[in-house]
Amino acid sequence: MRSAIAHRIRPRALAGCAAVIAVLAGTSACSTASSDASDGSASGKGASGKVIQIVAAENFWGSIAQQLGGSHVHVKSIIDNPAADPHDYEPTAADGRAVATARYTIVNGIGYDAWADKLLSANPGGDRTELKIGDLVGVRPGGNPHRWYAPADVHKVIEKITADYKKIDPDHAAFYDARKKTYLDTTLAPYSRLVSGIKSTYAGTSVGASESIVTPLAQGLGLKMATPESFLDAISEGTDPTAKDKTTIDQQIKNKKIKIYVYNSQNSTPDVRAQVKEAKAAGIPVATVTETLTPAGASFQDWQVRQLKGIQKALAEATGKK
């Protein structure tokens, strides 16, 4: 995501990490504030008599972690601003202190948040449990890192976080099981129904997209991605797409080879804006997604449900199916 950044700025980001790592040499213990603590209370007790301090690199995972842990956990999401770019984020000394004192950390991995790996390695914790989503779902660096858009992977993460909470705080295992059941059966139910409904109604429908963030979602919904993968990756990585790919997409839009076009509104490059304009002019419905939670403070499920409804509406308009 580069809402106002045309290209990745990895050297600057790595320099920021180095500065934070230097600061951490003198880090002392401190409590962390939660950016997703809608139901996290300081009175909740873990096995050690304290709330489990958790740091999530990104708020989409942090939101889920907070809801699964309730009053027994306190989650700080480092990326919690819709304007921030998770790829190129420069950690602060406060981020480093939070990681240093965390009992549990959640990092996306797959090359998406390398700065978080550096914070963890700078502060090895003997009793800290670390979850790296890429390792959990079996996607290696170089693969598509946007696993929060893969419904099946979201469910794997829910199961793993709950299992980890029970290991860290076995005295409250039944509490965590109950939280998971409520989250899956009630809280996340609208999301799951939309995923299932879109797949059953529109499976095989050809769609276009602005970048690779849409690919895992399209796969989870059973939609056929028509946009060249090389174009999707180029926009996601902040590099220039080829003229050949742009011509291919122009022809797909002109000849209506795609039913809808889905784009990441937080990464709207000139090429993407041109394609959105072309799609609308051709009568192809356009749906939007974002890379991180929007608006700020939204829950994972509310954010995803809103986006899925937009995609469902676009598909219904394009196909006449409801």
C-alpha atoms as a PDB file:
ATOM      1  CA  MET A   1       0.000   0.000   0.000  1.00  0.00           C
ATOM      2  CA  ARG A   2       1.370   3.402  -0.962  1.00  0.00           C
ATOM      3  CA  SER A   3      -1.477   5.877  -0.570  1.00  0.00           C
ATOM      4  CA  ALA A   4       0.909   8.714  -1.313  1.00  0.00           C
ATOM      5  CA  ILE A   5       4.050   6.741  -2.113  1.00  0.00           C
ATOM      6  CA  ALA A   6       4.735   5.722  -5.686  1.00  0.00           C
ATOM      7  CA  HIS A   7       7.514   3.254  -4.942  1.00  0.00           C
ATOM      8  CA  ARG A   8       8.874   1.225  -2.078  1.00  0.00           C
ATOM      9  CA  ILE A   9      11.491   3.014   0.011  1.00  0.00           C
ATOM     10  CA  ARG A  10      13.185   0.015   1.550  1.00  0.00           C
ATOM     11  CA  PRO A  11      16.626   1.571   2.261  1.00  0.00           C
ATOM     12  CA  ARG A  12      15.002   4.333   4.331  1.00  0.00           C
ATOM     13  CA  ALA A  13      12.813   1.820   6.138  1.00  0.00           C
ATOM     14  CA  LEU A  14      15.787  -0.383   6.995  1.00  0.00           C
ATOM     15  CA  ALA A  15      17.673   2.624   8.262  1.00  0.00           C
ATOM     16  CA  GLY A  16      14.754   3.358  10.557  1.00  0.00           C
ATOM     17  CA  CYS A  17      14.890  -0.197  11.874  1.00  0.00           C
ATOM     18  CA  ALA A  18      18.604   0.143  12.569  1.00  0.00           C
ATOM     19  CA  ALA A  19      17.998   3.298  14.572  1.00  0.00           C
ATOM     20  CA  VAL A  20      15.333   1.599  16.656  1.00  0.00           C
ATOM     21  CA  ILE A  21      17.506  -1.460  17.244  1.00  0.00           C
ATOM     22  CA  ALA A  22      20.258   0.817  18.549  1.00  0.00           C
ATOM     23  CA  VAL A  23      17.834   2.447  20.970  1.00  0.00           C
ATOM     24  CA  LEU A  24      16.642  -0.921  22.220  1.00  0.00           C
ATOM     25  CA  ALA A  25      19.990  -1.747  23.761  1.00  0.00           C
ATOM     26  CA  GLY A  26      18.867   0.246  26.799  1.00  0.00           C
ATOM     27  CA  THR A  27      15.209  -0.699  26.737  1.00  0.00           C
ATOM     28  CA  SER A  28      13.482  -1.200  30.070  1.00  0.00           C
ATOM     29  CA  ALA A  29      10.191  -2.957  30.670  1.00  0.00           C
ATOM     30  CA  CYS A  30       6.974  -1.004  30.157  1.00  0.00           C
ATOM     31  CA  SER A  31       3.300  -1.648  29.623  1.00  0.00           C
ATOM     32  CA  THR A  32       1.834  -1.219  26.150  1.00  0.00           C
ATOM     33  CA  ALA A  33      -1.232   0.624  24.997  1.00  0.00           C
ATOM     34  CA  SER A  34      -3.701  -1.117  22.728  1.00  0.00           C
ATOM     35  CA  SER A  35      -4.882   0.258  19.429  1.00  0.00           C
ATOM     36  CA  ASP A  36      -7.487  -2.505  19.177  1.00  0.00           C
ATOM     37  CA  ALA A  37      -8.523  -2.783  22.808  1.00  0.00           C
ATOM     38  CA  SER A  38     -12.261  -2.446  22.403  1.00  0.00           C
ATOM     39  CA  ASP A  39     -12.871  -5.139  24.997  1.00  0.00           C
ATOM     40  CA  GLY A  40      -9.410  -5.509  26.562  1.00  0.00           C
ATOM     41  CA  SER A  41      -9.401  -4.595  30.227  1.00  0.00           C
ATOM     42  CA  ALA A  42      -6.471  -4.055  32.535  1.00  0.00           C
ATOM     43  CA  SER A  43      -8.320  -6.177  35.112  1.00  0.00           C
ATOM     44  CA  GLY A  44      -8.158  -9.348  33.041  1.00  0.00           C
ATOM     45  CA  LYS A  45      -5.763 -11.901  34.524  1.00  0.00           C
ATOM     46  CA  GLY A  46      -3.636 -14.449  32.743  1.00  0.00           C
ATOM     47  CA  ALA A  47      -1.873 -17.445  34.273  1.00  0.00           C
ATOM     48  CA  SER A  48       0.839 -15.129  35.609  1.00  0.00           C
ATOM     49  CA  GLY A  49      -1.739 -12.803  37.125  1.00  0.00           C
ATOM     50  CA  LYS A  50      -1.296 -10.252  34.360  1.00  0.00           C
ATOM     51  CA  VAL A  51      -3.029  -9.427  31.119  1.00  0.00           C
ATOM     52  CA  ILE A  52      -1.161 -11.002  28.196  1.00  0.00           C
ATOM     53  CA  GLN A  53       0.714  -8.218  26.412  1.00  0.00           C
ATOM     54  CA  ILE A  54       0.494  -8.730  22.632  1.00  0.00           C
ATOM     55  CA  VAL A  55       2.045  -6.862  19.734  1.00  0.00           C
ATOM     56  CA  ALA A  56       0.639  -7.331  16.238  1.00  0.00           C
ATOM     57  CA  ALA A  57       2.550  -5.827  13.352  1.00  0.00           C
ATOM     58  CA  GLU A  58      -0.707  -4.950  11.546  1.00  0.00           C
ATOM     59  CA  ASN A  59      -4.158  -4.057  12.814  1.00  0.00           C
ATOM     60  CA  PHE A  60      -6.067  -6.571  10.689  1.00  0.00           C
ATOM     61  CA  TRP A  61      -4.437  -9.376  12.705  1.00  0.00           C
ATOM     62  CA  GLY A  62      -4.506  -7.302  15.889  1.00  0.00           C
ATOM     63  CA  SER A  63      -8.259  -6.839  15.663  1.00  0.00           C
ATOM     64  CA  ILE A  64      -8.820 -10.590  15.517  1.00  0.00           C
ATOM     65  CA  ALA A  65      -6.334 -11.227  18.343  1.00  0.00           C
ATOM     66  CA  GLN A  66      -8.067  -8.732  20.639  1.00  0.00           C
ATOM     67  CA  GLN A  67     -11.507 -10.160  20.019  1.00  0.00           C
ATOM     68  CA  LEU A  68     -10.333 -13.716  20.636  1.00  0.00           C
ATOM     69  CA  GLY A  69      -8.592 -12.765  23.881  1.00  0.00           C
ATOM     70  CA  GLY A  70     -11.120 -10.337  25.326  1.00  0.00           C
ATOM     71  CA  SER A  71     -10.283  -9.000  28.796  1.00  0.00           C
ATOM     72  CA  HIS A  72      -7.355 -11.378  29.226  1.00  0.00           C
ATOM     73  CA  VAL A  73      -5.232  -9.779  26.512  1.00  0.00           C
ATOM     74  CA  HIS A  74      -4.005  -6.301  25.634  1.00  0.00           C
ATOM     75  CA  VAL A  75      -3.135  -5.859  21.947  1.00  0.00           C
ATOM     76  CA  LYS A  76      -0.992  -3.127  20.455  1.00  0.00           C
ATOM     77  CA  SER A  77      -1.128  -2.992  16.660  1.00  0.00           C
ATOM     78  CA  ILE A  78       1.871  -1.143  15.277  1.00  0.00           C
ATOM     79  CA  ILE A  79       0.261  -0.392  11.900  1.00  0.00           C
ATOM     80  CA  ASP A  80      -3.073   1.153  12.895  1.00  0.00           C
ATOM     81  CA  ASN A  81      -3.267   4.193  10.638  1.00  0.00           C
ATOM     82  CA  PRO A  82      -4.937   3.793   7.218  1.00  0.00           C
ATOM     83  CA  ALA A  83      -2.353   6.199   5.773  1.00  0.00           C
ATOM     84  CA  ALA A  84       0.637   4.095   6.884  1.00  0.00           C
ATOM     85  CA  ASP A  85       2.391   1.711   4.496  1.00  0.00           C
ATOM     86  CA  PRO A  86       3.078  -1.648   6.206  1.00  0.00           C
ATOM     87  CA  HIS A  87       5.871  -2.440   3.736  1.00  0.00           C
ATOM     88  CA  ASP A  88       7.909   0.681   4.368  1.00  0.00           C
ATOM     89  CA  TYR A  89       6.994   1.494   7.943  1.00  0.00           C
ATOM     90  CA  GLU A  90       9.808   2.889  10.088  1.00  0.00           C
ATOM     91  CA  PRO A  91       9.490   1.530  13.648  1.00  0.00           C
ATOM     92  CA  THR A  92       9.797   3.892  16.591  1.00  0.00           C
ATOM     93  CA  ALA A  93      11.580   3.364  19.880  1.00  0.00           C
ATOM     94  CA  ALA A  94       8.151   2.895  21.478  1.00  0.00           C
ATOM     95  CA  ASP A  95       7.456   0.055  19.022  1.00  0.00           C
ATOM     96  CA  GLY A  96      10.730  -1.542  20.043  1.00  0.00           C
ATOM     97  CA  ARG A  97       9.894  -1.315  23.728  1.00  0.00           C
ATOM     98  CA  ALA A  98       6.487  -2.852  23.092  1.00  0.00           C
ATOM     99  CA  VAL A  99       8.037  -5.796  21.262  1.00  0.00           C
ATOM    100  CA  ALA A 100      10.692  -6.210  23.958  1.00  0.00           C
ATOM    101  CA  THR A 101       8.044  -6.640  26.655  1.00  0.00           C
ATOM    102  CA  ALA A 102       5.458  -8.586  24.624  1.00  0.00           C
ATOM    103  CA  ARG A 103       4.471 -12.090  25.674  1.00  0.00           C
ATOM    104  CA  TYR A 104       3.021 -12.821  22.236  1.00  0.00           C
ATOM    105  CA  THR A 105       3.742 -11.308  18.830  1.00  0.00           C
ATOM    106  CA  ILE A 106       1.939 -11.623  15.501  1.00  0.00           C
ATOM    107  CA  VAL A 107       3.807 -10.829  12.291  1.00  0.00           C
ATOM    108  CA  ASN A 108       2.488 -11.320   8.769  1.00  0.00           C
ATOM    109  CA  GLY A 109       5.800 -12.400   7.228  1.00  0.00           C
ATOM    110  CA  ILE A 110       6.292 -13.410   3.563  1.00  0.00           C
ATOM    111  CA  GLY A 111       8.429 -10.303   3.113  1.00  0.00           C
ATOM    112  CA  TYR A 112       5.516  -8.010   3.912  1.00  0.00           C
ATOM    113  CA  ASP A 113       6.803  -6.569   7.196  1.00  0.00           C
ATOM    114  CA  ALA A 114      10.531  -7.282   7.345  1.00  0.00           C
ATOM    115  CA  TRP A 115      10.943  -4.417   9.816  1.00  0.00           C
ATOM    116  CA  ALA A 116       8.947  -6.446  12.367  1.00  0.00           C
ATOM    117  CA  ASP A 117      11.313  -9.407  11.993  1.00  0.00           C
ATOM    118  CA  LYS A 118      14.213  -7.068  12.765  1.00  0.00           C
ATOM    119  CA  LEU A 119      12.516  -5.818  15.919  1.00  0.00           C
ATOM    120  CA  LEU A 120      11.962  -9.385  17.096  1.00  0.00           C
ATOM    121  CA  SER A 121      15.508 -10.516  16.376  1.00  0.00           C
ATOM    122  CA  ALA A 122      16.901  -7.465  18.189  1.00  0.00           C
ATOM    123  CA  ASN A 123      14.978  -8.462  21.311  1.00  0.00           C
ATOM    124  CA  PRO A 124      14.915 -12.260  21.714  1.00  0.00           C
ATOM    125  CA  GLY A 125      12.514 -13.250  24.455  1.00  0.00           C
ATOM    126  CA  GLY A 126      12.895 -16.598  26.130  1.00  0.00           C
ATOM    127  CA  ASP A 127       9.231 -16.870  27.057  1.00  0.00           C
ATOM    128  CA  ARG A 128       7.778 -14.959  24.097  1.00  0.00           C
ATOM    129  CA  THR A 129       5.534 -16.848  21.686  1.00  0.00           C
ATOM    130  CA  GLU A 130       5.869 -15.681  18.095  1.00  0.00           C
ATOM    131  CA  LEU A 131       3.329 -16.255  15.338  1.00  0.00           C
ATOM    132  CA  LYS A 132       4.362 -15.634  11.752  1.00  0.00           C
ATOM    133  CA  ILE A 133       1.353 -15.963   9.483  1.00  0.00           C
ATOM    134  CA  GLY A 134       3.316 -16.938   6.379  1.00  0.00           C
ATOM    135  CA  ASP A 135       4.866 -19.911   8.180  1.00  0.00           C
ATOM    136  CA  LEU A 136       1.480 -20.958   9.548  1.00  0.00           C
ATOM    137  CA  VAL A 137      -0.240 -21.038   6.158  1.00  0.00           C
ATOM    138  CA  GLY A 138       2.790 -22.343   4.236  1.00  0.00           C
ATOM    139  CA  VAL A 139       3.474 -19.352   1.996  1.00  0.00           C
ATOM    140  CA  ARG A 140       7.165 -18.605   1.487  1.00  0.00           C
ATOM    141  CA  PRO A 141       8.803 -15.237   0.760  1.00  0.00           C
ATOM    142  CA  GLY A 142       8.042 -14.381  -2.835  1.00  0.00           C
ATOM    143  CA  GLY A 143       4.497 -15.680  -2.516  1.00  0.00           C
ATOM    144  CA  ASN A 144       1.440 -13.486  -2.152  1.00  0.00           C
ATOM    145  CA  PRO A 145       1.674 -11.980   1.363  1.00  0.00           C
ATOM    146  CA  HIS A 146      -1.903 -10.677   1.632  1.00  0.00           C
ATOM    147  CA  ARG A 147      -3.182 -13.663   3.624  1.00  0.00           C
ATOM    148  CA  TRP A 148      -5.826 -11.678   5.540  1.00  0.00           C
ATOM    149  CA  TYR A 149      -7.707 -11.608   2.239  1.00  0.00           C
ATOM    150  CA  ALA A 150      -7.720 -15.421   2.041  1.00  0.00           C
ATOM    151  CA  PRO A 151     -10.778 -16.654   3.985  1.00  0.00           C
ATOM    152  CA  ALA A 152      -9.316 -20.106   4.623  1.00  0.00           C
ATOM    153  CA  ASP A 153      -6.130 -18.575   6.033  1.00  0.00           C
ATOM    154  CA  VAL A 154      -8.116 -16.259   8.289  1.00  0.00           C
ATOM    155  CA  HIS A 155      -9.716 -19.324   9.859  1.00  0.00           C
ATOM    156  CA  LYS A 156      -6.303 -20.966  10.322  1.00  0.00           C
ATOM    157  CA  VAL A 157      -5.068 -17.862  12.114  1.00  0.00           C
ATOM    158  CA  ILE A 158      -8.100 -17.853  14.407  1.00  0.00           C
ATOM    159  CA  GLU A 159      -7.455 -21.455  15.387  1.00  0.00           C
ATOM    160  CA  LYS A 160      -3.739 -20.851  15.948  1.00  0.00           C
ATOM    161  CA  ILE A 161      -4.155 -17.710  18.043  1.00  0.00           C
ATOM    162  CA  THR A 162      -6.654 -19.492  20.281  1.00  0.00           C
ATOM    163  CA  ALA A 163      -4.322 -22.494  20.654  1.00  0.00           C
ATOM    164  CA  ASP A 164      -1.430 -20.181  21.541  1.00  0.00           C
ATOM    165  CA  TYR A 165      -3.506 -18.315  24.139  1.00  0.00           C
ATOM    166  CA  LYS A 166      -4.355 -21.632  25.794  1.00  0.00           C
ATOM    167  CA  LYS A 167      -0.671 -22.589  25.964  1.00  0.00           C
ATOM    168  CA  ILE A 168       0.379 -19.225  27.351  1.00  0.00           C
ATOM    169  CA  ASP A 169      -2.535 -19.039  29.819  1.00  0.00           C
ATOM    170  CA  PRO A 170      -3.838 -22.590  30.407  1.00  0.00           C
ATOM    171  CA  ASP A 171      -5.854 -21.530  33.456  1.00  0.00           C
ATOM    172  CA  HIS A 172      -8.266 -19.745  31.119  1.00  0.00           C
ATOM    173  CA  ALA A 173      -8.400 -22.305  28.302  1.00  0.00           C
ATOM    174  CA  ALA A 174     -12.179 -22.620  28.539  1.00  0.00           C
ATOM    175  CA  PHE A 175     -12.509 -18.836  28.288  1.00  0.00           C
ATOM    176  CA  TYR A 176     -10.494 -18.765  25.058  1.00  0.00           C
ATOM    177  CA  ASP A 177     -12.466 -21.658  23.582  1.00  0.00           C
ATOM    178  CA  ALA A 178     -15.700 -19.811  24.341  1.00  0.00           C
ATOM    179  CA  ARG A 179     -14.362 -16.607  22.790  1.00  0.00           C
ATOM    180  CA  LYS A 180     -13.397 -18.470  19.620  1.00  0.00           C
ATOM    181  CA  LYS A 181     -16.803 -20.130  19.360  1.00  0.00           C
ATOM    182  CA  THR A 182     -18.613 -16.806  19.748  1.00  0.00           C
ATOM    183  CA  TYR A 183     -16.324 -15.145  17.225  1.00  0.00           C
ATOM    184  CA  LEU A 184     -16.780 -17.860  14.606  1.00  0.00           C
ATOM    185  CA  ASP A 185     -20.465 -18.577  15.174  1.00  0.00           C
ATOM    186  CA  THR A 186     -21.711 -15.033  15.707  1.00  0.00           C
ATOM    187  CA  THR A 187     -19.244 -12.198  15.183  1.00  0.00           C
ATOM    188  CA  LEU A 188     -17.625 -13.504  12.006  1.00  0.00           C
ATOM    189  CA  ALA A 189     -20.805 -15.163  10.696  1.00  0.00           C
ATOM    190  CA  PRO A 190     -21.815 -12.327   8.298  1.00  0.00           C
ATOM    191  CA  TYR A 191     -18.342 -12.451   6.741  1.00  0.00           C
ATOM    192  CA  SER A 192     -18.491 -16.225   6.336  1.00  0.00           C
ATOM    193  CA  ARG A 193     -21.996 -16.079   4.842  1.00  0.00           C
ATOM    194  CA  LEU A 194     -20.910 -13.499   2.284  1.00  0.00           C
ATOM    195  CA  VAL A 195     -17.869 -15.534   1.259  1.00  0.00           C
ATOM    196  CA  SER A 196     -20.007 -18.650   0.847  1.00  0.00           C
ATOM    197  CA  GLY A 197     -22.833 -16.812  -0.920  1.00  0.00           C
ATOM    198  CA  ILE A 198     -20.595 -15.042  -3.423  1.00  0.00           C
ATOM    199  CA  LYS A 199     -18.786 -18.272  -4.201  1.00  0.00           C
ATOM    200  CA  SER A 200     -21.967 -20.258  -4.751  1.00  0.00           C
ATOM    201  CA  THR A 201     -23.556 -17.602  -6.962  1.00  0.00           C
ATOM    202  CA  TYR A 202     -20.640 -16.170  -8.935  1.00  0.00           C
ATOM    203  CA  ALA A 203     -17.952 -18.881  -9.052  1.00  0.00           C
ATOM    204  CA  GLY A 204     -16.007 -18.751 -12.302  1.00  0.00           C
ATOM    205  CA  THR A 205     -16.871 -15.120 -13.045  1.00  0.00           C
ATOM    206  CA  SER A 206     -13.979 -13.281 -14.687  1.00  0.00           C
ATOM    207  CA  VAL A 207     -12.743 -10.224 -12.794  1.00  0.00           C
ATOM    208  CA  GLY A 208     -10.018  -7.633 -13.158  1.00  0.00           C
ATOM    209  CA  ALA A 209      -7.994  -6.064 -10.369  1.00  0.00           C
ATOM    210  CA  SER A 210      -5.445  -3.363  -9.681  1.00  0.00           C
ATOM    211  CA  GLU A 211      -2.952  -5.353  -7.646  1.00  0.00           C
ATOM    212  CA  SER A 212      -2.130  -8.685  -6.016  1.00  0.00           C
ATOM    213  CA  ILE A 213      -3.963  -7.884  -2.778  1.00  0.00           C
ATOM    214  CA  VAL A 214      -7.150  -8.956  -4.586  1.00  0.00           C
ATOM    215  CA  THR A 215      -5.809 -12.346  -5.718  1.00  0.00           C
ATOM    216  CA  PRO A 216      -6.275 -14.344  -2.464  1.00  0.00           C
ATOM    217  CA  LEU A 217      -9.783 -12.954  -2.089  1.00  0.00           C
ATOM    218  CA  ALA A 218     -10.705 -13.797  -5.678  1.00  0.00           C
ATOM    219  CA  GLN A 219      -9.433 -17.335  -5.102  1.00  0.00           C
ATOM    220  CA  GLY A 220     -11.411 -17.623  -1.869  1.00  0.00           C
ATOM    221  CA  LEU A 221     -14.555 -16.428  -3.632  1.00  0.00           C
ATOM    222  CA  GLY A 222     -14.059 -18.756  -6.599  1.00  0.00           C
ATOM    223  CA  LEU A 223     -13.663 -15.872  -9.052  1.00  0.00           C
ATOM    224  CA  LYS A 224     -11.399 -16.032 -12.094  1.00  0.00           C
ATOM    225  CA  MET A 225      -8.622 -13.435 -12.078  1.00  0.00           C
ATOM    226  CA  ALA A 226      -8.117 -12.181 -15.641  1.00  0.00           C
ATOM    227  CA  THR A 227      -5.527  -9.467 -14.949  1.00  0.00           C
ATOM    228  CA  PRO A 228      -1.943 -10.577 -15.701  1.00  0.00           C
ATOM    229  CA  GLU A 229      -0.160 -11.569 -12.499  1.00  0.00           C
ATOM    230  CA  SER A 230       2.876  -9.550 -13.564  1.00  0.00           C
ATOM    231  CA  PHE A 231       0.769  -6.372 -13.573  1.00  0.00           C
ATOM    232  CA  LEU A 232      -0.769  -7.153 -10.178  1.00  0.00           C
ATOM    233  CA  ASP A 233       2.679  -7.734  -8.679  1.00  0.00           C
ATOM    234  CA  ALA A 234       4.147  -4.601 -10.242  1.00  0.00           C
ATOM    235  CA  ILE A 235       1.488  -2.335  -8.753  1.00  0.00           C
ATOM    236  CA  SER A 236       1.727  -4.078  -5.381  1.00  0.00           C
ATOM    237  CA  GLU A 237       5.519  -3.725  -5.319  1.00  0.00           C
ATOM    238  CA  GLY A 238       5.584  -0.148  -6.562  1.00  0.00           C
ATOM    239  CA  THR A 239       7.334  -0.892  -9.866  1.00  0.00           C
ATOM    240  CA  ASP A 240       6.326   0.132 -13.368  1.00  0.00           C
ATOM    241  CA  PRO A 241       4.025  -2.324 -15.178  1.00  0.00           C
ATOM    242  CA  THR A 242       4.919  -3.292 -18.725  1.00  0.00           C
ATOM    243  CA  ALA A 243       3.300  -1.727 -21.757  1.00  0.00           C
ATOM    244  CA  LYS A 244       2.218  -5.221 -22.818  1.00  0.00           C
ATOM    245  CA  ASP A 245       0.316  -5.798 -19.571  1.00  0.00           C
ATOM    246  CA  LYS A 246      -1.361  -2.399 -19.763  1.00  0.00           C
ATOM    247  CA  THR A 247      -2.442  -3.101 -23.336  1.00  0.00           C
ATOM    248  CA  THR A 248      -3.820  -6.490 -22.306  1.00  0.00           C
ATOM    249  CA  ILE A 249      -5.893  -4.908 -19.557  1.00  0.00           C
ATOM    250  CA  ASP A 250      -7.118  -2.127 -21.838  1.00  0.00           C
ATOM    251  CA  GLN A 251      -8.360  -4.771 -24.269  1.00  0.00           C
ATOM    252  CA  GLN A 252     -10.015  -6.770 -21.478  1.00  0.00           C
ATOM    253  CA  ILE A 253     -11.921  -3.669 -20.428  1.00  0.00           C
ATOM    254  CA  LYS A 254     -12.756  -2.533 -23.952  1.00  0.00           C
ATOM    255  CA  ASN A 255     -14.041  -5.979 -24.954  1.00  0.00           C
ATOM    256  CA  LYS A 256     -15.698  -6.571 -21.557  1.00  0.00           C
ATOM    257  CA  LYS A 257     -13.701  -9.711 -20.879  1.00  0.00           C
ATOM    258  CA  ILE A 258     -14.059  -8.925 -17.182  1.00  0.00           C
ATOM    259  CA  LYS A 259     -17.339  -8.512 -15.343  1.00  0.00           C
ATOM    260  CA  ILE A 260     -16.090  -6.255 -12.543  1.00  0.00           C
ATOM    261  CA  TYR A 261     -12.906  -4.405 -11.627  1.00  0.00           C
ATOM    262  CA  VAL A 262     -11.629  -4.398  -8.035  1.00  0.00           C
ATOM    263  CA  TYR A 263      -9.001  -1.933  -6.919  1.00  0.00           C
ATOM    264  CA  ASN A 264      -7.115  -0.999  -3.775  1.00  0.00           C
ATOM    265  CA  SER A 265      -8.074   2.615  -3.127  1.00  0.00           C
ATOM    266  CA  GLN A 266      -5.045   3.061  -0.847  1.00  0.00           C
ATOM    267  CA  ASN A 267      -2.716   2.406  -3.780  1.00  0.00           C
ATOM    268  CA  SER A 268      -4.234   4.325  -6.654  1.00  0.00           C
ATOM    269  CA  THR A 269      -1.418   4.896  -9.158  1.00  0.00           C
ATOM    270  CA  PRO A 270      -1.918   6.769 -12.457  1.00  0.00           C
ATOM    271  CA  ASP A 271      -2.196   3.437 -14.293  1.00  0.00           C
ATOM    272  CA  VAL A 272      -4.816   2.190 -11.842  1.00  0.00           C
ATOM    273  CA  ARG A 273      -6.797   5.425 -11.991  1.00  0.00           C
ATOM    274  CA  ALA A 274      -6.803   5.213 -15.783  1.00  0.00           C
ATOM    275  CA  GLN A 275      -8.126   1.638 -15.657  1.00  0.00           C
ATOM    276  CA  VAL A 276     -10.852   2.546 -13.160  1.00  0.00           C
ATOM    277  CA  LYS A 277     -11.929   5.378 -15.453  1.00  0.00           C
ATOM    278  CA  GLU A 278     -11.924   3.067 -18.483  1.00  0.00           C
ATOM    279  CA  ALA A 279     -13.923   0.400 -16.656  1.00  0.00           C
ATOM    280  CA  LYS A 280     -16.591   2.862 -15.556  1.00  0.00           C
ATOM    281  CA  ALA A 281     -16.798   4.295 -19.076  1.00  0.00           C
ATOM    282  CA  ALA A 282     -17.273   0.771 -20.437  1.00  0.00           C
ATOM    283  CA  GLY A 283     -20.090   0.081 -17.968  1.00  0.00           C
ATOM    284  CA  ILE A 284     -18.032  -2.367 -15.915  1.00  0.00           C
ATOM    285  CA  PRO A 285     -18.893  -2.091 -12.188  1.00  0.00           C
ATOM    286  CA  VAL A 286     -15.981  -1.103  -9.954  1.00  0.00           C
ATOM    287  CA  ALA A 287     -15.535  -2.251  -6.337  1.00  0.00           C
ATOM    288  CA  THR A 288     -12.930  -1.054  -3.876  1.00  0.00           C
ATOM    289  CA  VAL A 289     -10.853  -2.657  -1.138  1.00  0.00           C
ATOM    290  CA  THR A 290      -8.172  -1.276   1.162  1.00  0.00           C
ATOM    291  CA  GLU A 291      -4.973  -2.790   2.481  1.00  0.00           C
ATOM    292  CA  THR A 292      -5.521  -2.043   6.163  1.00  0.00           C
ATOM    293  CA  LEU A 293      -8.561  -1.451   8.357  1.00  0.00           C
ATOM    294  CA  THR A 294     -10.699   1.482   7.298  1.00  0.00           C
ATOM    295  CA  PRO A 295     -11.961   3.569   8.825  1.00  0.00           C
ATOM    296  CA  ALA A 296      -9.397   3.730  11.618  1.00  0.00           C
ATOM    297  CA  GLY A 297     -10.628   1.692  14.565  1.00  0.00           C
ATOM    298  CA  ALA A 298     -12.857  -0.589  12.509  1.00  0.00           C
ATOM    299  CA  SER A 299     -13.005  -4.286  13.370  1.00  0.00           C
ATOM    300  CA  PHE A 300     -11.700  -6.894  10.954  1.00  0.00           C
ATOM    301  CA  GLN A 301     -15.149  -8.321  10.289  1.00  0.00           C
ATOM    302  CA  ASP A 302     -16.954  -5.001   9.792  1.00  0.00           C
ATOM    303  CA  TRP A 303     -14.268  -3.881   7.355  1.00  0.00           C
ATOM    304  CA  GLN A 304     -14.368  -7.101   5.364  1.00  0.00           C
ATOM    305  CA  VAL A 305     -18.162  -7.338   5.331  1.00  0.00           C
ATOM    306  CA  ARG A 306     -18.448  -3.828   3.933  1.00  0.00           C
ATOM    307  CA  GLN A 307     -15.999  -4.655   1.145  1.00  0.00           C
ATOM    308  CA  LEU A 308     -17.574  -8.016   0.363  1.00  0.00           C
ATOM    309  CA  LYS A 309     -20.988  -6.380   0.068  1.00  0.00           C
ATOM    310  CA  GLY A 310     -19.484  -3.953  -2.430  1.00  0.00           C
ATOM    311  CA  ILE A 311     -18.054  -6.813  -4.492  1.00  0.00           C
ATOM    312  CA  GLN A 312     -21.333  -8.736  -4.276  1.00  0.00           C
ATOM    313  CA  LYS A 313     -23.276  -5.680  -5.453  1.00  0.00           C
ATOM    314  CA  ALA A 314     -20.899  -5.177  -8.385  1.00  0.00           C
ATOM    315  CA  LEU A 315     -21.180  -8.842  -9.393  1.00  0.00           C
ATOM    316  CA  ALA A 316     -24.973  -8.732  -9.195  1.00  0.00           C
ATOM    317  CA  GLU A 317     -25.050  -5.616 -11.369  1.00  0.00           C
ATOM    318  CA  ALA A 318     -22.681  -7.123 -13.906  1.00  0.00           C
ATOM    319  CA  THR A 319     -24.263 -10.576 -14.181  1.00  0.00           C
ATOM    320  CA  GLY A 320     -27.902 -10.041 -13.267  1.00  0.00           C
ATOM    321  CA  LYS A 321     -27.586 -12.825 -10.680  1.00  0.00           C
ATOM    322  CA  LYS A 322     -28.675 -12.270  -7.087  1.00  0.00           C
END
